Amino acid sequence: MTKVLKVLAGGWLAAVLGIALFAASGALGGQTVSAESPPNPPARFVGTVTVDGQPVPAGTVIEARIGNAACGVTQTFTQGGQARYVLDVPALDPGANPNCGVDGAVVSFYIGGKKAAESGTWRNYQLNELNLTYTTPTPAPSPTATPRPPSTGETLATDGGASASWLLAIAGLGILAFGVSGLAVARRAR
């Protein structure tokens, strides 16, 4: 026991006590530090791009929009004879610009400024495969009136087709009567 007291008296007690006080003062006097969470990852969309059934040229601009916000732009590239794209649509982040996606948001795509027929759903936990197409609308034929034949002034009076209906009804009854009389004759002949 005397050896322990001699060691403690030789300055070790002061050193141990100093370290303990220093640690306690640092733990008690420290400031609380809050960690910022990392930003949400974007939703990645990939696929082919065709216009009128043909692959678009490499470098065609593809744009993603959520509502009216432009949420990403890329260009097509050619791979295996197909026009392809890869586009990351950023997540909703109050400090970011653009401030775009939330899970389930509808993403509209534009091929060279023309709205694609397909739209996607923003999901950043999976790879979103979406082939984009655009079909050029065919112009509607111009409405032209079919010319009517000239009026000669001679027209037959019509009753709206009522007489034709009566004629068909009478003919039908006549055929029915002929069929019934044929049956009666056939029965008598037995």
Protein backbone atom coordinates (compact mmCIF):
# COMPACT_ATOMS: atom_id res chain seq x y z
CA MET A 1 0.00 0.00 0.00
CA THR A 2 2.83 2.37 0.66
CA LYS A 3 4.11 1.93 -2.87
CA VAL A 4 0.68 3.00 -4.24
CA LEU A 5 0.66 6.07 -2.00
CA LYS A 6 4.19 6.98 -3.05
CA VAL A 7 3.20 6.70 -6.78
CA LEU A 8 0.08 8.78 -6.24
CA ALA A 9 2.04 11.33 -4.26
CA GLY A 10 4.64 11.50 -7.00
CA GLY A 11 2.30 13.34 -9.39
CA TRP A 12 0.27 10.53 -10.78
CA LEU A 13 -2.70 11.52 -8.67
CA ALA A 14 -2.60 15.01 -10.14
CA ALA A 15 -2.33 13.67 -13.69
CA VAL A 16 -5.24 11.26 -13.28
CA LEU A 17 -7.35 13.89 -11.58
CA GLY A 18 -6.52 16.42 -14.34
CA ILE A 19 -7.50 14.03 -17.11
CA ALA A 20 -10.77 13.21 -15.38
CA LEU A 21 -11.59 16.91 -14.90
CA PHE A 22 -10.63 17.73 -18.48
CA ALA A 23 -12.88 14.95 -19.83
CA ALA A 24 -15.75 16.01 -17.62
CA SER A 25 -15.43 19.65 -18.62
CA GLY A 26 -15.40 18.77 -22.32
CA ALA A 27 -18.45 16.55 -22.03
CA LEU A 28 -20.41 19.00 -19.95
CA GLY A 29 -19.45 22.18 -21.77
CA GLY A 30 -19.76 20.90 -25.36
CA GLN A 31 -22.32 22.20 -27.82
CA THR A 32 -24.95 19.98 -29.33
CA VAL A 33 -24.19 19.32 -32.97
CA SER A 34 -27.01 18.19 -35.25
CA ALA A 35 -26.11 16.25 -38.32
CA GLU A 36 -27.77 17.18 -41.59
CA SER A 37 -29.38 14.31 -43.41
CA PRO A 38 -28.06 13.63 -46.88
CA PRO A 39 -30.24 14.78 -49.79
CA ASN A 40 -32.77 12.35 -51.19
CA PRO A 41 -31.49 10.53 -54.27
CA PRO A 42 -33.05 11.32 -57.66
CA ALA A 43 -35.37 9.03 -59.58
CA ARG A 44 -33.53 7.59 -62.59
CA PHE A 45 -35.43 7.04 -65.85
CA VAL A 46 -33.97 5.06 -68.77
CA GLY A 47 -35.28 3.77 -72.08
CA THR A 48 -35.49 4.13 -75.84
CA VAL A 49 -36.76 7.14 -77.78
CA THR A 50 -38.63 7.02 -81.09
CA VAL A 51 -40.52 9.54 -83.18
CA ASP A 52 -42.94 8.16 -85.75
CA GLY A 53 -41.54 4.67 -85.07
CA GLN A 54 -37.95 5.64 -85.89
CA PRO A 55 -35.06 6.20 -83.44
CA VAL A 56 -34.29 9.88 -82.92
CA PRO A 57 -30.83 11.20 -83.81
CA ALA A 58 -28.16 11.15 -81.10
CA GLY A 59 -28.16 14.45 -79.20
CA THR A 60 -31.94 14.93 -79.22
CA VAL A 61 -32.95 16.80 -76.07
CA ILE A 62 -35.13 14.93 -73.56
CA GLU A 63 -36.73 16.99 -70.79
CA ALA A 64 -38.59 15.85 -67.67
CA ARG A 65 -41.26 18.02 -66.02
CA ILE A 66 -43.34 17.65 -62.89
CA GLY A 67 -46.26 20.03 -63.18
CA ASN A 68 -44.78 23.19 -64.72
CA ALA A 69 -41.31 22.70 -63.19
CA ALA A 70 -38.45 21.64 -65.46
CA CYS A 71 -36.90 18.78 -63.49
CA GLY A 72 -34.09 17.49 -65.65
CA VAL A 73 -32.63 17.56 -69.13
CA THR A 74 -30.45 15.09 -71.01
CA GLN A 75 -29.59 14.13 -74.57
CA THR A 76 -30.09 10.85 -76.39
CA PHE A 77 -27.26 8.56 -77.42
CA THR A 78 -27.17 5.63 -79.82
CA GLN A 79 -26.59 2.11 -78.53
CA GLY A 80 -27.20 -1.05 -80.55
CA GLY A 81 -29.04 0.87 -83.26
CA GLN A 82 -31.46 2.37 -80.73
CA ALA A 83 -31.77 5.93 -79.48
CA ARG A 84 -31.54 5.76 -75.67
CA TYR A 85 -31.63 8.18 -72.75
CA VAL A 86 -30.72 8.24 -69.05
CA LEU A 87 -32.28 11.03 -66.98
CA ASP A 88 -32.10 11.71 -63.25
CA VAL A 89 -35.09 13.64 -61.87
CA PRO A 90 -34.11 15.25 -58.53
CA ALA A 91 -36.08 14.84 -55.33
CA LEU A 92 -38.08 17.50 -53.56
CA ASP A 93 -35.53 19.45 -51.52
CA PRO A 94 -36.55 22.86 -50.17
CA GLY A 95 -33.08 24.34 -50.71
CA ALA A 96 -32.53 22.92 -54.17
CA ASN A 97 -33.32 24.20 -57.59
CA PRO A 98 -35.08 22.50 -59.31
CA ASN A 99 -37.34 21.38 -56.50
CA CYS A 100 -39.08 18.41 -58.03
CA GLY A 101 -39.92 14.84 -57.16
CA VAL A 102 -41.86 13.16 -54.41
CA ASP A 103 -42.85 9.51 -54.40
CA GLY A 104 -45.74 8.97 -56.82
CA ALA A 105 -45.45 12.32 -58.67
CA VAL A 106 -46.30 12.20 -62.39
CA VAL A 107 -43.29 12.95 -64.59
CA SER A 108 -44.01 14.20 -68.13
CA PHE A 109 -41.35 13.84 -70.83
CA TYR A 110 -40.65 15.97 -73.89
CA ILE A 111 -38.72 14.78 -76.95
CA GLY A 112 -37.17 17.77 -78.69
CA GLY A 113 -39.87 19.99 -77.17
CA LYS A 114 -42.78 17.70 -78.13
CA LYS A 115 -44.69 15.92 -75.37
CA ALA A 116 -44.10 12.16 -75.36
CA ALA A 117 -47.09 9.84 -75.29
CA GLU A 118 -45.80 8.24 -72.07
CA SER A 119 -45.40 9.65 -68.58
CA GLY A 120 -43.66 8.11 -65.60
CA THR A 121 -44.12 7.89 -61.86
CA TRP A 122 -41.36 9.36 -59.66
CA ARG A 123 -39.83 6.57 -57.58
CA ASN A 124 -36.25 6.90 -56.36
CA TYR A 125 -35.98 3.39 -54.93
CA GLN A 126 -35.98 1.61 -58.30
CA LEU A 127 -34.74 2.02 -61.85
CA ASN A 128 -37.64 3.41 -63.88
CA GLU A 129 -37.61 1.90 -67.39
CA LEU A 130 -39.78 3.96 -69.73
CA ASN A 131 -39.59 3.90 -73.54
CA LEU A 132 -40.61 7.29 -74.95
CA THR A 133 -42.53 7.74 -78.20
CA TYR A 134 -44.00 10.60 -80.16
CA THR A 135 -46.25 10.27 -83.21
CA THR A 136 -46.69 13.26 -85.47
CA PRO A 137 -50.42 13.92 -85.74
CA THR A 138 -51.88 13.58 -89.20
CA PRO A 139 -53.71 16.69 -90.29
CA ALA A 140 -57.47 16.32 -90.33
CA PRO A 141 -58.97 16.52 -93.79
CA SER A 142 -60.44 19.90 -94.49
CA PRO A 143 -64.19 19.82 -94.25
CA THR A 144 -65.62 20.13 -97.74
CA ALA A 145 -69.32 20.09 -98.46
CA THR A 146 -70.53 17.38 -100.78
CA PRO A 147 -72.22 19.10 -103.70
CA ARG A 148 -75.93 18.38 -104.08
CA PRO A 149 -77.42 17.56 -107.39
CA PRO A 150 -79.26 20.45 -108.96
CA SER A 151 -82.95 20.66 -108.23
CA THR A 152 -85.16 20.13 -111.28
CA GLY A 153 -88.29 21.20 -109.54
CA GLU A 154 -89.90 17.79 -110.03
CA THR A 155 -90.09 15.86 -106.81
CA LEU A 156 -92.29 13.04 -105.73
CA ALA A 157 -94.31 13.52 -102.61
CA THR A 158 -93.03 11.31 -99.83
CA ASP A 159 -94.64 10.36 -96.59
CA GLY A 160 -91.36 9.82 -94.71
CA GLY A 161 -91.12 6.13 -95.64
CA ALA A 162 -94.41 5.10 -94.02
CA SER A 163 -95.82 3.64 -97.26
CA ALA A 164 -92.70 1.50 -97.74
CA SER A 165 -93.11 0.12 -94.21
CA TRP A 166 -96.73 -0.79 -94.92
CA LEU A 167 -95.77 -2.48 -98.14
CA LEU A 168 -93.15 -4.58 -96.33
CA ALA A 169 -95.66 -5.50 -93.60
CA ILE A 170 -98.27 -6.59 -96.16
CA ALA A 171 -95.69 -8.61 -98.10
CA GLY A 172 -94.57 -10.28 -94.85
CA LEU A 173 -98.15 -11.21 -93.97
CA GLY A 174 -98.70 -12.58 -97.46
CA ILE A 175 -95.61 -14.80 -97.22
CA LEU A 176 -96.73 -15.98 -93.78
CA ALA A 177 -100.22 -16.81 -95.08
CA PHE A 178 -98.74 -18.69 -98.04
CA GLY A 179 -96.52 -20.70 -95.67
CA VAL A 180 -99.46 -21.57 -93.36
CA SER A 181 -101.64 -22.65 -96.28
CA GLY A 182 -98.77 -24.78 -97.56
CA LEU A 183 -98.62 -26.54 -94.19
CA ALA A 184 -102.38 -27.13 -94.22
CA VAL A 185 -102.20 -28.66 -97.69
CA ALA A 186 -99.30 -30.87 -96.65
CA ARG A 187 -101.23 -32.19 -93.63
CA ARG A 188 -104.34 -33.02 -95.70
CA ALA A 189 -102.22 -34.89 -98.19
CA ARG A 190 -101.14 -37.40 -95.49
